[in-house]
């Protein structure tokens, strides 16, 4: 247990940041999952392209905000966005 005031404050700040990071990472995982589901539905039925575009743009937005706030590294965000576009390309072509 920290004794001095600055150490107590650092514990509080770390706890606050941990919750914020957890919220952003959870929203990234949720949006990526929804996007992948809509892409797999697109493979079966080509009528929902607007929904796929909506989910892709929302996923990119959430990932970019997390990168900007320093929650995930830049390369990790780029890798996630690349994976989404690769899946979309693969399902559109086939």
N, C-alpha and C. Protein backbone atom coordinates (compact mmCIF):
# COMPACT_ATOMS: atom_id res chain seq x y z
N UNK A 1 0.85 -1.19 0.00
CA UNK A 1 0.00 0.00 0.00
C UNK A 1 0.89 1.24 0.00
N UNK A 2 0.66 2.16 -0.93
CA UNK A 2 1.50 3.35 -1.00
C UNK A 2 1.28 4.28 0.20
N UNK A 3 2.35 4.95 0.57
CA UNK A 3 2.28 5.82 1.75
C UNK A 3 2.19 7.29 1.38
N UNK A 4 3.01 7.72 0.44
CA UNK A 4 3.00 9.16 0.15
C UNK A 4 1.90 9.50 -0.85
N UNK A 5 1.57 10.76 -0.90
CA UNK A 5 0.42 11.23 -1.67
C UNK A 5 0.58 11.01 -3.17
N UNK A 6 1.78 11.21 -3.68
CA UNK A 6 1.98 11.05 -5.12
C UNK A 6 1.80 9.59 -5.54
N UNK A 7 2.23 8.65 -4.71
CA UNK A 7 2.07 7.23 -5.03
C UNK A 7 0.59 6.84 -4.99
N UNK A 8 -0.15 7.39 -4.05
CA UNK A 8 -1.59 7.13 -3.98
C UNK A 8 -2.27 7.63 -5.25
N UNK A 9 -1.88 8.83 -5.67
CA UNK A 9 -2.48 9.41 -6.87
C UNK A 9 -2.14 8.58 -8.11
N UNK A 10 -0.90 8.10 -8.21
CA UNK A 10 -0.50 7.28 -9.35
C UNK A 10 -1.34 5.99 -9.41
N UNK A 11 -1.65 5.40 -8.25
CA UNK A 11 -2.48 4.20 -8.22
C UNK A 11 -3.88 4.52 -8.73
N UNK A 12 -4.42 5.66 -8.34
CA UNK A 12 -5.75 6.07 -8.79
C UNK A 12 -5.76 6.31 -10.30
N UNK A 13 -4.73 6.98 -10.81
CA UNK A 13 -4.65 7.27 -12.24
C UNK A 13 -4.49 5.98 -13.04
N UNK A 14 -3.67 5.06 -12.55
CA UNK A 14 -3.48 3.79 -13.25
C UNK A 14 -4.78 3.00 -13.30
N UNK A 15 -5.54 3.03 -12.22
CA UNK A 15 -6.82 2.34 -12.18
C UNK A 15 -7.80 2.96 -13.18
N UNK A 16 -7.85 4.28 -13.23
CA UNK A 16 -8.73 4.99 -14.16
C UNK A 16 -8.35 4.67 -15.61
N UNK A 17 -7.05 4.71 -15.90
CA UNK A 17 -6.59 4.43 -17.26
C UNK A 17 -6.85 2.98 -17.66
N UNK A 18 -6.72 2.06 -16.71
CA UNK A 18 -6.96 0.65 -17.00
C UNK A 18 -8.41 0.44 -17.42
N UNK A 19 -9.35 1.09 -16.72
CA UNK A 19 -10.75 0.96 -17.08
C UNK A 19 -11.03 1.58 -18.45
N UNK A 20 -10.42 2.73 -18.72
CA UNK A 20 -10.62 3.38 -20.01
C UNK A 20 -10.06 2.51 -21.14
N UNK A 21 -8.87 1.97 -20.94
CA UNK A 21 -8.26 1.11 -21.96
C UNK A 21 -9.10 -0.14 -22.20
N UNK A 22 -9.64 -0.70 -21.12
CA UNK A 22 -10.46 -1.90 -21.23
C UNK A 22 -11.71 -1.61 -22.05
N UNK A 23 -12.31 -0.43 -21.84
CA UNK A 23 -13.51 -0.05 -22.58
C UNK A 23 -13.21 0.07 -24.07
N UNK A 24 -12.12 0.73 -24.42
CA UNK A 24 -11.75 0.90 -25.83
C UNK A 24 -11.41 -0.43 -26.48
N UNK A 25 -10.63 -1.27 -25.79
CA UNK A 25 -10.25 -2.55 -26.38
C UNK A 25 -11.47 -3.44 -26.58
N UNK A 26 -12.42 -3.38 -25.65
CA UNK A 26 -13.64 -4.15 -25.78
C UNK A 26 -14.46 -3.67 -26.97
N UNK A 27 -14.54 -2.36 -27.16
CA UNK A 27 -15.32 -1.84 -28.29
C UNK A 27 -14.65 -2.19 -29.62
N UNK A 28 -13.32 -2.22 -29.64
CA UNK A 28 -12.61 -2.64 -30.86
C UNK A 28 -12.95 -4.09 -31.19
N UNK A 29 -12.89 -4.96 -30.18
CA UNK A 29 -13.18 -6.37 -30.41
C UNK A 29 -14.62 -6.56 -30.89
N UNK A 30 -15.55 -5.82 -30.29
CA UNK A 30 -16.95 -5.93 -30.68
C UNK A 30 -17.16 -5.49 -32.12
N UNK A 31 -16.59 -4.35 -32.50
CA UNK A 31 -16.78 -3.85 -33.86
C UNK A 31 -16.13 -4.77 -34.89
N UNK A 32 -14.96 -5.29 -34.57
CA UNK A 32 -14.29 -6.21 -35.50
C UNK A 32 -15.12 -7.47 -35.68
N UNK A 33 -15.67 -7.97 -34.58
CA UNK A 33 -16.50 -9.17 -34.66
C UNK A 33 -17.76 -8.92 -35.50
N UNK A 34 -18.42 -7.78 -35.28
CA UNK A 34 -19.62 -7.46 -36.07
C UNK A 34 -19.26 -7.30 -37.55
N UNK A 35 -18.13 -6.69 -37.81
CA UNK A 35 -17.70 -6.50 -39.19
C UNK A 35 -17.44 -7.84 -39.87
N UNK A 36 -16.74 -8.72 -39.19
CA UNK A 36 -16.45 -10.03 -39.77
C UNK A 36 -17.72 -10.84 -39.99
N UNK A 37 -18.69 -10.71 -39.08
CA UNK A 37 -19.96 -11.40 -39.26
C UNK A 37 -20.70 -10.86 -40.49
N UNK A 38 -20.71 -9.54 -40.65
CA UNK A 38 -21.41 -8.96 -41.80
C UNK A 38 -20.69 -9.32 -43.11
N UNK A 39 -19.37 -9.43 -43.06
CA UNK A 39 -18.63 -9.83 -44.26
C UNK A 39 -18.95 -11.28 -44.62
N UNK A 40 -19.07 -12.15 -43.62
CA UNK A 40 -19.39 -13.55 -43.92
C UNK A 40 -20.81 -13.67 -44.47
N UNK A 41 -21.74 -12.82 -43.99
CA UNK A 41 -23.09 -12.81 -44.54
C UNK A 41 -23.05 -12.30 -45.97
N UNK A 42 -22.16 -11.32 -46.24
CA UNK A 42 -22.02 -10.78 -47.59
C UNK A 42 -21.60 -11.87 -48.56
N UNK A 43 -20.77 -12.79 -48.09
CA UNK A 43 -20.32 -13.90 -48.94
C UNK A 43 -21.52 -14.75 -49.38
N UNK A 44 -22.50 -14.92 -48.48
CA UNK A 44 -23.67 -15.72 -48.81
C UNK A 44 -24.72 -14.91 -49.58
N UNK A 45 -24.86 -13.62 -49.22
CA UNK A 45 -25.90 -12.79 -49.82
C UNK A 45 -25.31 -11.42 -50.13
N UNK A 46 -25.26 -11.05 -51.40
CA UNK A 46 -24.61 -9.81 -51.81
C UNK A 46 -25.46 -8.56 -51.62
N UNK A 47 -26.59 -8.65 -50.93
CA UNK A 47 -27.49 -7.51 -50.81
C UNK A 47 -27.13 -6.56 -49.67
N UNK A 48 -26.27 -6.92 -48.76
CA UNK A 48 -26.02 -6.07 -47.59
C UNK A 48 -24.66 -5.37 -47.65
N UNK A 49 -24.28 -4.86 -48.79
CA UNK A 49 -23.00 -4.18 -48.94
C UNK A 49 -22.96 -2.88 -48.13
N UNK A 50 -24.09 -2.18 -48.02
CA UNK A 50 -24.13 -0.93 -47.24
C UNK A 50 -23.85 -1.20 -45.77
N UNK A 51 -24.38 -2.30 -45.27
CA UNK A 51 -24.16 -2.66 -43.87
C UNK A 51 -22.68 -2.97 -43.64
N UNK A 52 -22.06 -3.66 -44.56
CA UNK A 52 -20.64 -3.98 -44.45
C UNK A 52 -19.81 -2.70 -44.47
N UNK A 53 -20.13 -1.78 -45.38
CA UNK A 53 -19.41 -0.51 -45.45
C UNK A 53 -19.57 0.28 -44.15
N UNK A 54 -20.77 0.26 -43.57
CA UNK A 54 -21.01 0.95 -42.31
C UNK A 54 -20.14 0.36 -41.20
N UNK A 55 -20.13 -0.97 -41.09
CA UNK A 55 -19.34 -1.62 -40.04
C UNK A 55 -17.84 -1.40 -40.24
N UNK A 56 -17.39 -1.43 -41.49
CA UNK A 56 -15.96 -1.20 -41.76
C UNK A 56 -15.58 0.21 -41.33
N UNK A 57 -16.39 1.20 -41.69
CA UNK A 57 -16.06 2.58 -41.33
C UNK A 57 -16.10 2.77 -39.82
N UNK A 58 -17.06 2.15 -39.15
CA UNK A 58 -17.13 2.25 -37.69
C UNK A 58 -15.92 1.58 -37.04
N UNK A 59 -15.52 0.43 -37.56
CA UNK A 59 -14.36 -0.27 -37.01
C UNK A 59 -13.09 0.57 -37.19
N UNK A 60 -12.91 1.13 -38.38
CA UNK A 60 -11.75 1.97 -38.63
C UNK A 60 -11.75 3.17 -37.68
N UNK A 61 -12.91 3.75 -37.46
CA UNK A 61 -13.01 4.91 -36.59
C UNK A 61 -12.62 4.56 -35.15
N UNK A 62 -13.14 3.46 -34.65
CA UNK A 62 -12.83 3.05 -33.27
C UNK A 62 -11.35 2.73 -33.13
N UNK A 63 -10.79 2.05 -34.12
CA UNK A 63 -9.37 1.69 -34.08
C UNK A 63 -8.51 2.96 -34.13
N UNK A 64 -8.86 3.90 -35.00
CA UNK A 64 -8.08 5.14 -35.10
C UNK A 64 -8.14 5.96 -33.82
N UNK A 65 -9.30 6.00 -33.17
CA UNK A 65 -9.42 6.74 -31.90
C UNK A 65 -8.56 6.10 -30.82
N UNK A 66 -8.54 4.76 -30.80
CA UNK A 66 -7.71 4.07 -29.81
C UNK A 66 -6.22 4.33 -30.06
N UNK A 67 -5.83 4.39 -31.33
CA UNK A 67 -4.43 4.70 -31.66
C UNK A 67 -4.10 6.11 -31.22
N UNK A 68 -5.01 7.04 -31.50
CA UNK A 68 -4.77 8.44 -31.17
C UNK A 68 -4.63 8.65 -29.66
N UNK A 69 -5.39 7.90 -28.87
CA UNK A 69 -5.33 8.03 -27.42
C UNK A 69 -4.19 7.20 -26.81
N UNK A 70 -3.49 6.43 -27.64
CA UNK A 70 -2.35 5.66 -27.14
C UNK A 70 -2.74 4.36 -26.47
N UNK A 71 -3.94 3.88 -26.72
CA UNK A 71 -4.40 2.66 -26.09
C UNK A 71 -3.84 1.42 -26.77
N UNK A 72 -3.77 1.47 -28.10
CA UNK A 72 -3.11 0.40 -28.84
C UNK A 72 -2.02 1.02 -29.71
N UNK A 73 -0.96 0.27 -29.98
CA UNK A 73 0.11 0.79 -30.83
C UNK A 73 -0.35 0.98 -32.28
N UNK A 74 0.35 1.84 -32.98
CA UNK A 74 0.00 2.17 -34.36
C UNK A 74 0.03 0.94 -35.26
N UNK A 75 1.06 0.11 -35.12
CA UNK A 75 1.18 -1.08 -35.98
C UNK A 75 0.07 -2.09 -35.70
N UNK A 76 -0.33 -2.20 -34.44
CA UNK A 76 -1.41 -3.12 -34.10
C UNK A 76 -2.72 -2.67 -34.75
N UNK A 77 -2.99 -1.37 -34.71
CA UNK A 77 -4.18 -0.84 -35.35
C UNK A 77 -4.15 -1.05 -36.85
N UNK A 78 -2.98 -0.82 -37.45
CA UNK A 78 -2.84 -1.03 -38.89
C UNK A 78 -3.06 -2.49 -39.26
N UNK A 79 -2.58 -3.38 -38.41
CA UNK A 79 -2.74 -4.81 -38.65
C UNK A 79 -4.22 -5.21 -38.60
N UNK A 80 -4.95 -4.65 -37.64
CA UNK A 80 -6.38 -4.95 -37.53
C UNK A 80 -7.15 -4.43 -38.74
N UNK A 81 -6.84 -3.22 -39.17
CA UNK A 81 -7.53 -2.65 -40.33
C UNK A 81 -7.17 -3.44 -41.60
N UNK A 82 -5.94 -3.86 -41.72
CA UNK A 82 -5.52 -4.65 -42.87
C UNK A 82 -6.23 -5.99 -42.90
N UNK A 83 -6.40 -6.60 -41.74
CA UNK A 83 -7.08 -7.88 -41.66
C UNK A 83 -8.53 -7.75 -42.12
N UNK A 84 -9.19 -6.65 -41.72
CA UNK A 84 -10.57 -6.44 -42.13
C UNK A 84 -10.68 -6.25 -43.64
N UNK A 85 -9.80 -5.43 -44.20
CA UNK A 85 -9.87 -5.19 -45.64
C UNK A 85 -9.50 -6.45 -46.42
N UNK A 86 -8.59 -7.25 -45.90
CA UNK A 86 -8.21 -8.50 -46.56
C UNK A 86 -9.40 -9.48 -46.58
N UNK A 87 -10.12 -9.57 -45.46
CA UNK A 87 -11.30 -10.44 -45.40
C UNK A 87 -12.38 -9.96 -46.37
N UNK A 88 -12.57 -8.65 -46.45
CA UNK A 88 -13.57 -8.09 -47.36
C UNK A 88 -13.21 -8.41 -48.81
N UNK A 89 -11.94 -8.18 -49.16
CA UNK A 89 -11.49 -8.48 -50.52
C UNK A 89 -11.67 -9.96 -50.86
N UNK A 90 -11.32 -10.81 -49.91
CA UNK A 90 -11.40 -12.26 -50.13
C UNK A 90 -12.86 -12.68 -50.36
N UNK A 91 -13.80 -12.09 -49.63
CA UNK A 91 -15.19 -12.50 -49.78
C UNK A 91 -15.88 -11.83 -50.96
N UNK A 92 -15.39 -10.70 -51.41
CA UNK A 92 -15.98 -10.07 -52.59
C UNK A 92 -15.54 -10.79 -53.84
N UNK A 93 -14.28 -11.18 -53.90
CA UNK A 93 -13.73 -11.83 -55.09
C UNK A 93 -14.33 -13.23 -55.26
N UNK A 94 -14.44 -13.96 -54.15
CA UNK A 94 -14.93 -15.34 -54.27
C UNK A 94 -16.44 -15.43 -54.30
